Amino acid sequence: HLVTPPRRVRFPTRLTLAVTLVVAGTLAGIGGVIVSVAAAHAAP
């Protein structure tokens, strides 16, 4: 289970006020999708 991975990923057990504001603020002001046309050789 990835709750306790060996490297790079962890699942914190405490939610900080800053984290709450990320969802409450950032998602509240979401706009539309911006789709750009890149050169054919560019990676997505």
Full PDB file with SEQRES, HELIX, SHEET, SSBOND, CRYST1, ORIGX, SCALE, CONECT and MASTER records, all heavy atoms in Angstrom:
SEQRES   1 A   44  HIS LEU VAL THR PRO PRO ARG ARG VAL ARG PHE PRO THR          
SEQRES   2 A   44  ARG LEU THR LEU ALA VAL THR LEU VAL VAL ALA GLY THR          
SEQRES   3 A   44  LEU ALA GLY ILE GLY GLY VAL ILE VAL SER VAL ALA ALA          
SEQRES   4 A   44  ALA HIS ALA ALA PRO                                          
HELIX    1 AA1 LEU A   17  LEU A   21  1                                   5    
HELIX    2 AA2 VAL A   22  THR A   26  3                                   5    
HELIX    3 AA3 LEU A   27  GLY A   29  5                                   3    
CRYST1    1.000    1.000    1.000  90.00  90.00  90.00 P 1           1          
ORIGX1      1.000000  0.000000  0.000000        0.00000                         
ORIGX2      0.000000  1.000000  0.000000        0.00000                         
ORIGX3      0.000000  0.000000  1.000000        0.00000                         
SCALE1      1.000000  0.000000  0.000000        0.00000                         
SCALE2      0.000000  1.000000  0.000000        0.00000                         
SCALE3      0.000000  0.000000  1.000000        0.00000                         
ATOM      1  N   HIS A   1       0.855  -1.193   0.000  1.00  0.00           N  
ATOM      2  CA  HIS A   1       0.000   0.000   0.000  1.00  0.00           C  
ATOM      3  C   HIS A   1       0.884   1.233   0.000  1.00  0.00           C  
ATOM      4  O   HIS A   1       1.883   1.291   0.698  1.00  0.00           O  
ATOM      5  CB  HIS A   1      -0.891  -0.031   1.239  1.00  0.00           C  
ATOM      6  CG  HIS A   1      -2.040   0.901   1.152  1.00  0.00           C  
ATOM      7  ND1 HIS A   1      -1.894   2.256   1.291  1.00  0.00           N  
ATOM      8  CD2 HIS A   1      -3.352   0.666   0.940  1.00  0.00           C  
ATOM      9  CE1 HIS A   1      -3.068   2.833   1.180  1.00  0.00           C  
ATOM     10  NE2 HIS A   1      -3.967   1.885   0.966  1.00  0.00           N  
ATOM     11  N   LEU A   2       0.515   2.253  -0.777  1.00  0.00           N  
ATOM     12  CA  LEU A   2       1.365   3.412  -0.926  1.00  0.00           C  
ATOM     13  C   LEU A   2       1.286   4.394   0.233  1.00  0.00           C  
ATOM     14  O   LEU A   2       1.825   5.481   0.162  1.00  0.00           O  
ATOM     15  CB  LEU A   2       1.018   4.148  -2.231  1.00  0.00           C  
ATOM     16  CG  LEU A   2       1.430   3.412  -3.503  1.00  0.00           C  
ATOM     17  CD1 LEU A   2       1.203   4.298  -4.698  1.00  0.00           C  
ATOM     18  CD2 LEU A   2       2.880   2.998  -3.463  1.00  0.00           C  
ATOM     19  N   VAL A   3       0.606   4.017   1.296  1.00  0.00           N  
ATOM     20  CA  VAL A   3       0.571   4.901   2.453  1.00  0.00           C  
ATOM     21  C   VAL A   3       1.964   5.039   3.068  1.00  0.00           C  
ATOM     22  O   VAL A   3       2.333   6.075   3.583  1.00  0.00           O  
ATOM     23  CB  VAL A   3      -0.423   4.388   3.501  1.00  0.00           C  
ATOM     24  CG1 VAL A   3      -0.248   5.123   4.817  1.00  0.00           C  
ATOM     25  CG2 VAL A   3      -1.852   4.591   3.003  1.00  0.00           C  
ATOM     26  N   THR A   4       2.761   3.998   2.983  1.00  0.00           N  
ATOM     27  CA  THR A   4       4.110   4.066   3.521  1.00  0.00           C  
ATOM     28  C   THR A   4       5.096   3.586   2.460  1.00  0.00           C  
ATOM     29  O   THR A   4       5.679   2.509   2.584  1.00  0.00           O  
ATOM     30  CB  THR A   4       4.245   3.208   4.789  1.00  0.00           C  
ATOM     31  OG1 THR A   4       3.804   1.867   4.491  1.00  0.00           O  
ATOM     32  CG2 THR A   4       3.410   3.775   5.913  1.00  0.00           C  
ATOM     33  N   PRO A   5       5.291   4.345   1.385  1.00  0.00           N  
ATOM     34  CA  PRO A   5       6.188   3.928   0.311  1.00  0.00           C  
ATOM     35  C   PRO A   5       7.640   4.066   0.726  1.00  0.00           C  
ATOM     36  O   PRO A   5       7.968   4.807   1.659  1.00  0.00           O  
ATOM     37  CB  PRO A   5       5.848   4.907  -0.820  1.00  0.00           C  
ATOM     38  CG  PRO A   5       5.397   6.124  -0.101  1.00  0.00           C  
ATOM     39  CD  PRO A   5       4.681   5.633   1.108  1.00  0.00           C  
ATOM     40  N   PRO A   6       8.517   3.362   0.016  1.00  0.00           N  
ATOM     41  CA  PRO A   6       9.915   3.393   0.400  1.00  0.00           C  
ATOM     42  C   PRO A   6      10.624   4.687   0.047  1.00  0.00           C  
ATOM     43  O   PRO A   6      11.672   4.979   0.574  1.00  0.00           O  
ATOM     44  CB  PRO A   6      10.513   2.209  -0.377  1.00  0.00           C  
ATOM     45  CG  PRO A   6       9.611   2.057  -1.566  1.00  0.00           C  
ATOM     46  CD  PRO A   6       8.249   2.434  -1.071  1.00  0.00           C  
ATOM     47  N   ARG A   7      10.081   5.468  -0.872  1.00  0.00           N  
ATOM     48  CA  ARG A   7      10.782   6.671  -1.290  1.00  0.00           C  
ATOM     49  C   ARG A   7       9.809   7.641  -1.923  1.00  0.00           C  
ATOM     50  O   ARG A   7       8.814   7.265  -2.507  1.00  0.00           O  
ATOM     51  CB  ARG A   7      11.871   6.303  -2.317  1.00  0.00           C  
ATOM     52  CG  ARG A   7      12.835   7.451  -2.613  1.00  0.00           C  
ATOM     53  CD  ARG A   7      13.897   7.023  -3.601  1.00  0.00           C  
ATOM     54  NE  ARG A   7      13.368   6.884  -4.941  1.00  0.00           N  
ATOM     55  CZ  ARG A   7      14.111   6.558  -5.996  1.00  0.00           C  
ATOM     56  NH1 ARG A   7      15.377   6.286  -5.849  1.00  0.00           N  
ATOM     57  NH2 ARG A   7      13.573   6.463  -7.198  1.00  0.00           N  
ATOM     58  N   ARG A   8      10.008   8.884  -1.787  1.00  0.00           N  
ATOM     59  CA  ARG A   8       9.387   9.989  -2.503  1.00  0.00           C  
ATOM     60  C   ARG A   8       7.924  10.231  -2.205  1.00  0.00           C  
ATOM     61  O   ARG A   8       7.445  11.313  -2.405  1.00  0.00           O  
ATOM     62  CB  ARG A   8       9.551   9.829  -4.026  1.00  0.00           C  
ATOM     63  CG  ARG A   8      10.982   9.845  -4.479  1.00  0.00           C  
ATOM     64  CD  ARG A   8      11.083   9.986  -5.963  1.00  0.00           C  
ATOM     65  NE  ARG A   8      10.577  11.283  -6.397  1.00  0.00           N  
ATOM     66  CZ  ARG A   8      10.651  11.703  -7.641  1.00  0.00           C  
ATOM     67  NH1 ARG A   8      11.165  10.932  -8.559  1.00  0.00           N  
ATOM     68  NH2 ARG A   8      10.181  12.898  -7.975  1.00  0.00           N  
ATOM     69  N   VAL A   9       7.166   9.234  -1.737  1.00  0.00           N  
ATOM     70  CA  VAL A   9       5.759   9.476  -1.456  1.00  0.00           C  
ATOM     71  C   VAL A   9       5.480   9.226   0.013  1.00  0.00           C  
ATOM     72  O   VAL A   9       5.934   8.259   0.579  1.00  0.00           O  
ATOM     73  CB  VAL A   9       4.858   8.536  -2.285  1.00  0.00           C  
ATOM     74  CG1 VAL A   9       3.396   8.790  -1.933  1.00  0.00           C  
ATOM     75  CG2 VAL A   9       5.076   8.788  -3.762  1.00  0.00           C  
ATOM     76  N   ARG A  10       4.752  10.118   0.638  1.00  0.00           N  
ATOM     77  CA  ARG A  10       4.309   9.898   2.006  1.00  0.00           C  
ATOM     78  C   ARG A  10       2.892  10.426   2.115  1.00  0.00           C  
ATOM     79  O   ARG A  10       2.451  11.240   1.325  1.00  0.00           O  
ATOM     80  CB  ARG A  10       5.224  10.597   3.002  1.00  0.00           C  
ATOM     81  CG  ARG A  10       5.353  12.090   2.748  1.00  0.00           C  
ATOM     82  CD  ARG A  10       6.385  12.731   3.665  1.00  0.00           C  
ATOM     83  NE  ARG A  10       6.626  14.105   3.290  1.00  0.00           N  
ATOM     84  CZ  ARG A  10       5.870  15.129   3.654  1.00  0.00           C  
ATOM     85  NH1 ARG A  10       4.810  14.910   4.404  1.00  0.00           N  
ATOM     86  NH2 ARG A  10       6.141  16.355   3.276  1.00  0.00           N  
ATOM     87  N   PHE A  11       2.171   9.953   3.114  1.00  0.00           N  
ATOM     88  CA  PHE A  11       0.807  10.380   3.347  1.00  0.00           C  
ATOM     89  C   PHE A  11       0.752  11.048   4.717  1.00  0.00           C  
ATOM     90  O   PHE A  11       0.634  10.378   5.727  1.00  0.00           O  
ATOM     91  CB  PHE A  11      -0.163   9.200   3.304  1.00  0.00           C  
ATOM     92  CG  PHE A  11      -0.274   8.601   1.936  1.00  0.00           C  
ATOM     93  CD1 PHE A  11       0.645   7.658   1.509  1.00  0.00           C  
ATOM     94  CD2 PHE A  11      -1.279   8.987   1.078  1.00  0.00           C  
ATOM     95  CE1 PHE A  11       0.550   7.101   0.253  1.00  0.00           C  
ATOM     96  CE2 PHE A  11      -1.377   8.434  -0.171  1.00  0.00           C  
ATOM     97  CZ  PHE A  11      -0.460   7.484  -0.580  1.00  0.00           C  
ATOM     98  N   PRO A  12       0.897  12.380   4.793  1.00  0.00           N  
ATOM     99  CA  PRO A  12       0.890  13.051   6.100  1.00  0.00           C  
ATOM    100  C   PRO A  12      -0.408  12.783   6.832  1.00  0.00           C  
ATOM    101  O   PRO A  12      -1.452  12.617   6.232  1.00  0.00           O  
ATOM    102  CB  PRO A  12       1.021  14.540   5.719  1.00  0.00           C  
ATOM    103  CG  PRO A  12       1.571  14.557   4.324  1.00  0.00           C  
ATOM    104  CD  PRO A  12       1.060  13.305   3.689  1.00  0.00           C  
ATOM    105  N   THR A  13      -0.332  12.781   8.132  1.00  0.00           N  
ATOM    106  CA  THR A  13      -1.518  12.516   8.932  1.00  0.00           C  
ATOM    107  C   THR A  13      -2.150  13.780   9.451  1.00  0.00           C  
ATOM    108  O   THR A  13      -3.217  13.747  10.042  1.00  0.00           O  
ATOM    109  CB  THR A  13      -1.156  11.621  10.126  1.00  0.00           C  
ATOM    110  OG1 THR A  13      -0.164  12.269  10.906  1.00  0.00           O  
ATOM    111  CG2 THR A  13      -0.643  10.276   9.650  1.00  0.00           C  
ATOM    112  N   ARG A  14      -1.516  14.971   9.270  1.00  0.00           N  
ATOM    113  CA  ARG A  14      -2.045  16.224   9.809  1.00  0.00           C  
ATOM    114  C   ARG A  14      -2.275  17.203   8.665  1.00  0.00           C  
ATOM    115  O   ARG A  14      -1.411  17.448   7.849  1.00  0.00           O  
ATOM    116  CB  ARG A  14      -1.076  16.807  10.827  1.00  0.00           C  
ATOM    117  CG  ARG A  14      -1.652  18.047  11.531  1.00  0.00           C  
ATOM    118  CD  ARG A  14      -0.633  18.555  12.534  1.00  0.00           C  
ATOM    119  NE  ARG A  14      -0.280  17.536  13.504  1.00  0.00           N  
ATOM    120  CZ  ARG A  14      -0.957  17.320  14.614  1.00  0.00           C  
ATOM    121  NH1 ARG A  14      -2.037  18.043  14.880  1.00  0.00           N  
ATOM    122  NH2 ARG A  14      -0.587  16.381  15.460  1.00  0.00           N  
ATOM    123  N   LEU A  15      -3.448  17.772   8.606  1.00  0.00           N  
ATOM    124  CA  LEU A  15      -3.776  18.766   7.583  1.00  0.00           C  
ATOM    125  C   LEU A  15      -3.538  20.149   8.160  1.00  0.00           C  
ATOM    126  O   LEU A  15      -4.092  20.505   9.184  1.00  0.00           O  
ATOM    127  CB  LEU A  15      -5.254  18.628   7.168  1.00  0.00           C  
ATOM    128  CG  LEU A  15      -5.739  19.637   6.119  1.00  0.00           C  
ATOM    129  CD1 LEU A  15      -5.007  19.414   4.807  1.00  0.00           C  
ATOM    130  CD2 LEU A  15      -7.236  19.517   5.928  1.00  0.00           C  
ATOM    131  N   THR A  16      -2.701  20.943   7.521  1.00  0.00           N  
ATOM    132  CA  THR A  16      -2.411  22.286   8.008  1.00  0.00           C  
ATOM    133  C   THR A  16      -3.399  23.278   7.449  1.00  0.00           C  
ATOM    134  O   THR A  16      -4.089  23.039   6.460  1.00  0.00           O  
ATOM    135  CB  THR A  16      -0.988  22.709   7.593  1.00  0.00           C  
ATOM    136  OG1 THR A  16      -0.958  22.797   6.171  1.00  0.00           O  
ATOM    137  CG2 THR A  16       0.047  21.700   8.056  1.00  0.00           C  
ATOM    138  N   LEU A  17      -3.411  24.477   8.080  1.00  0.00           N  
ATOM    139  CA  LEU A  17      -4.309  25.523   7.608  1.00  0.00           C  
ATOM    140  C   LEU A  17      -3.962  25.920   6.183  1.00  0.00           C  
ATOM    141  O   LEU A  17      -4.843  26.177   5.361  1.00  0.00           O  
ATOM    142  CB  LEU A  17      -4.211  26.750   8.530  1.00  0.00           C  
ATOM    143  CG  LEU A  17      -5.031  27.982   8.117  1.00  0.00           C  
ATOM    144  CD1 LEU A  17      -6.512  27.619   8.083  1.00  0.00           C  
ATOM    145  CD2 LEU A  17      -4.773  29.131   9.076  1.00  0.00           C  
ATOM    146  N   ALA A  18      -2.669  25.933   5.888  1.00  0.00           N  
ATOM    147  CA  ALA A  18      -2.273  26.317   4.532  1.00  0.00           C  
ATOM    148  C   ALA A  18      -2.814  25.356   3.508  1.00  0.00           C  
ATOM    149  O   ALA A  18      -3.233  25.751   2.418  1.00  0.00           O  
ATOM    150  CB  ALA A  18      -0.738  26.366   4.441  1.00  0.00           C  
ATOM    151  N   VAL A  19      -2.816  24.048   3.822  1.00  0.00           N  
ATOM    152  CA  VAL A  19      -3.349  23.057   2.895  1.00  0.00           C  
ATOM    153  C   VAL A  19      -4.828  23.302   2.663  1.00  0.00           C  
ATOM    154  O   VAL A  19      -5.330  23.236   1.541  1.00  0.00           O  
ATOM    155  CB  VAL A  19      -3.112  21.638   3.442  1.00  0.00           C  
ATOM    156  CG1 VAL A  19      -3.954  20.630   2.686  1.00  0.00           C  
ATOM    157  CG2 VAL A  19      -1.647  21.275   3.298  1.00  0.00           C  
ATOM    158  N   THR A  20      -5.557  23.590   3.738  1.00  0.00           N  
ATOM    159  CA  THR A  20      -6.985  23.841   3.599  1.00  0.00           C  
ATOM    160  C   THR A  20      -7.229  25.024   2.680  1.00  0.00           C  
ATOM    161  O   THR A  20      -8.121  25.008   1.825  1.00  0.00           O  
ATOM    162  CB  THR A  20      -7.614  24.110   4.976  1.00  0.00           C  
ATOM    163  OG1 THR A  20      -7.422  22.973   5.790  1.00  0.00           O  
ATOM    164  CG2 THR A  20      -9.106  24.387   4.847  1.00  0.00           C  
ATOM    165  N   LEU A  21      -6.393  26.065   2.824  1.00  0.00           N  
ATOM    166  CA  LEU A  21      -6.581  27.244   1.997  1.00  0.00           C  
ATOM    167  C   LEU A  21      -6.283  26.969   0.535  1.00  0.00           C  
ATOM    168  O   LEU A  21      -6.856  27.602  -0.350  1.00  0.00           O  
ATOM    169  CB  LEU A  21      -5.679  28.376   2.515  1.00  0.00           C  
ATOM    170  CG  LEU A  21      -6.073  28.947   3.895  1.00  0.00           C  
ATOM    171  CD1 LEU A  21      -5.050  29.971   4.345  1.00  0.00           C  
ATOM    172  CD2 LEU A  21      -7.469  29.569   3.821  1.00  0.00           C  
ATOM    173  N   VAL A  22      -5.387  26.017   0.287  1.00  0.00           N  
ATOM    174  CA  VAL A  22      -5.095  25.669  -1.110  1.00  0.00           C  
ATOM    175  C   VAL A  22      -6.358  25.209  -1.813  1.00  0.00           C  
ATOM    176  O   VAL A  22      -6.684  25.634  -2.907  1.00  0.00           O  
ATOM    177  CB  VAL A  22      -4.010  24.571  -1.184  1.00  0.00           C  
ATOM    178  CG1 VAL A  22      -3.945  23.995  -2.586  1.00  0.00           C  
ATOM    179  CG2 VAL A  22      -2.657  25.157  -0.810  1.00  0.00           C  
ATOM    180  N   VAL A  23      -7.087  24.278  -1.149  1.00  0.00           N  
ATOM    181  CA  VAL A  23      -8.297  23.758  -1.777  1.00  0.00           C  
ATOM    182  C   VAL A  23      -9.402  24.792  -1.774  1.00  0.00           C  
ATOM    183  O   VAL A  23     -10.062  25.034  -2.773  1.00  0.00           O  
ATOM    184  CB  VAL A  23      -8.769  22.480  -1.060  1.00  0.00           C  
ATOM    185  CG1 VAL A  23     -10.079  21.992  -1.637  1.00  0.00           C  
ATOM    186  CG2 VAL A  23      -7.711  21.403  -1.213  1.00  0.00           C  
ATOM    187  N   ALA A  24      -9.616  25.441  -0.624  1.00  0.00           N  
ATOM    188  CA  ALA A  24     -10.725  26.368  -0.505  1.00  0.00           C  
ATOM    189  C   ALA A  24     -10.537  27.575  -1.408  1.00  0.00           C  
ATOM    190  O   ALA A  24     -11.502  28.112  -1.945  1.00  0.00           O  
ATOM    191  CB  ALA A  24     -10.872  26.825   0.947  1.00  0.00           C  
ATOM    192  N   GLY A  25      -9.259  28.016  -1.573  1.00  0.00           N  
ATOM    193  CA  GLY A  25      -9.019  29.211  -2.371  1.00  0.00           C  
ATOM    194  C   GLY A  25      -8.695  28.913  -3.807  1.00  0.00           C  
ATOM    195  O   GLY A  25      -9.302  29.457  -4.723  1.00  0.00           O  
ATOM    196  N   THR A  26      -7.737  27.991  -4.021  1.00  0.00           N  
ATOM    197  CA  THR A  26      -7.291  27.732  -5.381  1.00  0.00           C  
ATOM    198  C   THR A  26      -8.402  27.170  -6.242  1.00  0.00           C  
ATOM    199  O   THR A  26      -8.639  27.635  -7.349  1.00  0.00           O  
ATOM    200  CB  THR A  26      -6.105  26.746  -5.375  1.00  0.00           C  
ATOM    201  OG1 THR A  26      -5.070  27.282  -4.563  1.00  0.00           O  
ATOM    202  CG2 THR A  26      -5.595  26.515  -6.780  1.00  0.00           C  
ATOM    203  N   LEU A  27      -9.100  26.148  -5.745  1.00  0.00           N  
ATOM    204  CA  LEU A  27     -10.148  25.538  -6.547  1.00  0.00           C  
ATOM    205  C   LEU A  27     -11.334  26.474  -6.733  1.00  0.00           C  
ATOM    206  O   LEU A  27     -12.070  26.367  -7.706  1.00  0.00           O  
ATOM    207  CB  LEU A  27     -10.613  24.230  -5.904  1.00  0.00           C  
ATOM    208  CG  LEU A  27      -9.573  23.117  -5.900  1.00  0.00           C  
ATOM    209  CD1 LEU A  27     -10.181  21.845  -5.307  1.00  0.00           C  
ATOM    210  CD2 LEU A  27      -9.049  22.835  -7.287  1.00  0.00           C  
ATOM    211  N   ALA A  28     -11.535  27.396  -5.795  1.00  0.00           N  
ATOM    212  CA  ALA A  28     -12.679  28.294  -5.920  1.00  0.00           C  
ATOM    213  C   ALA A  28     -12.515  29.232  -7.106  1.00  0.00           C  
ATOM    214  O   ALA A  28     -13.505  29.692  -7.682  1.00  0.00           O  
ATOM    215  CB  ALA A  28     -12.843  29.109  -4.637  1.00  0.00           C  
ATOM    216  N   GLY A  29     -11.274  29.538  -7.474  1.00  0.00           N  
ATOM    217  CA  GLY A  29     -11.076  30.493  -8.559  1.00  0.00           C  
ATOM    218  C   GLY A  29     -10.672  29.851  -9.853  1.00  0.00           C  
ATOM    219  O   GLY A  29     -10.013  30.468 -10.689  1.00  0.00           O  
ATOM    220  N   ILE A  30     -11.052  28.610 -10.050  1.00  0.00           N  
ATOM    221  CA  ILE A  30     -10.626  27.864 -11.226  1.00  0.00           C  
ATOM    222  C   ILE A  30     -11.264  28.420 -12.484  1.00  0.00           C  
ATOM    223  O   ILE A  30     -12.450  28.727 -12.511  1.00  0.00           O  
ATOM    224  CB  ILE A  30     -10.956  26.378 -11.054  1.00  0.00           C  
ATOM    225  CG1 ILE A  30      -9.903  25.756 -10.161  1.00  0.00           C  
ATOM    226  CG2 ILE A  30     -10.980  25.643 -12.375  1.00  0.00           C  
ATOM    227  CD1 ILE A  30     -10.210  24.345  -9.749  1.00  0.00           C  
ATOM    228  N   GLY A  31     -10.486  28.519 -13.527  1.00  0.00           N  
ATOM    229  CA  GLY A  31     -11.020  28.967 -14.803  1.00  0.00           C  
ATOM    230  C   GLY A  31     -11.099  27.847 -15.791  1.00  0.00           C  
ATOM    231  O   GLY A  31     -11.120  26.692 -15.434  1.00  0.00           O  
ATOM    232  N   GLY A  32     -11.117  28.161 -17.053  1.00  0.00           N  
ATOM    233  CA  GLY A  32     -11.258  27.151 -18.090  1.00  0.00           C  
ATOM    234  C   GLY A  32      -9.931  26.548 -18.466  1.00  0.00           C  
ATOM    235  O   GLY A  32      -8.869  26.986 -18.044  1.00  0.00           O  
ATOM    236  N   VAL A  33      -9.978  25.537 -19.261  1.00  0.00           N  
ATOM    237  CA  VAL A  33      -8.777  24.854 -19.735  1.00  0.00           C  
ATOM    238  C   VAL A  33      -8.118  25.681 -20.821  1.00  0.00           C  
ATOM    239  O   VAL A  33      -8.795  26.214 -21.700  1.00  0.00           O  
ATOM    240  CB  VAL A  33      -9.141  23.469 -20.308  1.00  0.00           C  
ATOM    241  CG1 VAL A  33      -7.901  22.785 -20.841  1.00  0.00           C  
ATOM    242  CG2 VAL A  33      -9.790  22.643 -19.238  1.00  0.00           C  
ATOM    243  N   ILE A  34      -6.807  25.816 -20.736  1.00  0.00           N  
ATOM    244  CA  ILE A  34      -6.056  26.507 -21.770  1.00  0.00           C  
ATOM    245  C   ILE A  34      -5.364  25.455 -22.606  1.00  0.00           C  
ATOM    246  O   ILE A  34      -4.544  24.697 -22.106  1.00  0.00           O  
ATOM    247  CB  ILE A  34      -5.016  27.463 -21.151  1.00  0.00           C  
ATOM    248  CG1 ILE A  34      -5.722  28.467 -20.235  1.00  0.00           C  
ATOM    249  CG2 ILE A  34      -4.232  28.186 -22.236  1.00  0.00           C  
ATOM    250  CD1 ILE A  34      -4.760  29.304 -19.429  1.00  0.00           C  
ATOM    251  N   VAL A  35      -5.701  25.392 -23.842  1.00  0.00           N  
ATOM    252  CA  VAL A  35      -5.122  24.398 -24.722  1.00  0.00           C  
ATOM    253  C   VAL A  35      -4.269  25.102 -25.754  1.00  0.00           C  
ATOM    254  O   VAL A  35      -4.754  25.973 -26.464  1.00  0.00           O  
ATOM    255  CB  VAL A  35      -6.206  23.558 -25.427  1.00  0.00           C  
ATOM    256  CG1 VAL A  35      -5.563  22.527 -26.330  1.00  0.00           C  
ATOM    257  CG2 VAL A  35      -7.108  22.913 -24.401  1.00  0.00           C  
ATOM    258  N   SER A  36      -2.984  24.768 -25.824  1.00  0.00           N  
ATOM    259  CA  SER A  36      -2.070  25.388 -26.767  1.00  0.00           C  
ATOM    260  C   SER A  36      -1.669  24.386 -27.828  1.00  0.00           C  
ATOM    261  O   SER A  36      -1.609  23.193 -27.579  1.00  0.00           O  
ATOM    262  CB  SER A  36      -0.819  25.883 -26.044  1.00  0.00           C  
ATOM    263  OG  SER A  36      -1.164  26.807 -25.041  1.00  0.00           O  
ATOM    264  N   VAL A  37      -1.398  24.875 -28.992  1.00  0.00           N  
ATOM    265  CA  VAL A  37      -0.936  24.023 -30.081  1.00  0.00           C  
ATOM    266  C   VAL A  37       0.572  24.116 -30.131  1.00  0.00           C  
ATOM    267  O   VAL A  37       1.124  25.180 -30.410  1.00  0.00           O  
ATOM    268  CB  VAL A  37      -1.555  24.447 -31.417  1.00  0.00           C  
ATOM    269  CG1 VAL A  37      -1.039  23.566 -32.539  1.00  0.00           C  
ATOM    270  CG2 VAL A  37      -3.075  24.405 -31.331  1.00  0.00           C  
ATOM    271  N   ALA A  38       1.250  23.029 -29.847  1.00  0.00           N  
ATOM    272  CA  ALA A  38       2.709  23.010 -29.838  1.00  0.00           C  
ATOM    273  C   ALA A  38       3.225  22.437 -31.142  1.00  0.00           C  
ATOM    274  O   ALA A  38       2.478  21.869 -31.929  1.00  0.00           O  
ATOM    275  CB  ALA A  38       3.203  22.180 -28.666  1.00  0.00           C  
ATOM    276  N   ALA A  39       4.497  22.596 -31.331  1.00  0.00           N  
ATOM    277  CA  ALA A  39       5.113  21.998 -32.512  1.00  0.00           C  
ATOM    278  C   ALA A  39       4.957  20.501 -32.460  1.00  0.00           C  
ATOM    279  O   ALA A  39       4.878  19.899 -31.397  1.00  0.00           O  
ATOM    280  CB  ALA A  39       6.607  22.368 -32.546  1.00  0.00           C  
ATOM    281  N   ALA A  40       4.937  19.876 -33.632  1.00  0.00           N  
ATOM    282  CA  ALA A  40       4.638  18.452 -33.729  1.00  0.00           C  
ATOM    283  C   ALA A  40       5.644  17.613 -32.960  1.00  0.00           C  
ATOM    284  O   ALA A  40       5.328  16.545 -32.448  1.00  0.00           O  
ATOM    285  CB  ALA A  40       4.601  18.022 -35.184  1.00  0.00           C  
ATOM    286  N   HIS A  41       6.892  18.127 -32.834  1.00  0.00           N  
ATOM    287  CA  HIS A  41       7.913  17.315 -32.181  1.00  0.00           C  
ATOM    288  C   HIS A  41       7.927  17.506 -30.669  1.00  0.00           C  
ATOM    289  O   HIS A  41       8.648  16.793 -29.965  1.00  0.00           O  
ATOM    290  CB  HIS A  41       9.294  17.691 -32.738  1.00  0.00           C  
ATOM    291  CG  HIS A  41       9.674  19.119 -32.455  1.00  0.00           C  
ATOM    292  ND1 HIS A  41       9.257  20.167 -33.244  1.00  0.00           N  
ATOM    293  CD2 HIS A  41      10.427  19.652 -31.449  1.00  0.00           C  
ATOM    294  CE1 HIS A  41       9.735  21.301 -32.751  1.00  0.00           C  
ATOM    295  NE2 HIS A  41      10.439  21.028 -31.670  1.00  0.00           N  
ATOM    296  N   ALA A  42       7.161  18.469 -30.147  1.00  0.00           N  
ATOM    297  CA  ALA A  42       7.205  18.747 -28.714  1.00  0.00           C  
ATOM    298  C   ALA A  42       6.457  17.682 -27.931  1.00  0.00           C  
ATOM    299  O   ALA A  42       5.405  17.207 -28.353  1.00  0.00           O  
ATOM    300  CB  ALA A  42       6.606  20.119 -28.432  1.00  0.00           C  
ATOM    301  N   ALA A  43       7.003  17.327 -26.745  1.00  0.00           N  
ATOM    302  CA  ALA A  43       6.328  16.364 -25.887  1.00  0.00           C  
ATOM    303  C   ALA A  43       5.127  17.027 -25.229  1.00  0.00           C  
ATOM    304  O   ALA A  43       5.156  18.222 -24.916  1.00  0.00           O  
ATOM    305  CB  ALA A  43       7.290  15.848 -24.823  1.00  0.00           C  
ATOM    306  N   PRO A  44       4.048  16.291 -25.032  1.00  0.00           N  
ATOM    307  CA  PRO A  44       2.872  16.874 -24.370  1.00  0.00           C  
ATOM    308  C   PRO A  44       3.208  17.334 -22.958  1.00  0.00           C  
ATOM    309  O   PRO A  44       4.084  16.784 -22.299  1.00  0.00           O  
ATOM    310  CB  PRO A  44       1.872  15.715 -24.353  1.00  0.00           C  
ATOM    311  CG  PRO A  44       2.366  14.748 -25.379  1.00  0.00           C  
ATOM    312  CD  PRO A  44       3.840  14.888 -25.386  1.00  0.00           C  
TER     313      PRO A  44                                                      
MASTER        0    0    0    3    0    0    0    6  312    1    0    4          
END                                                                             
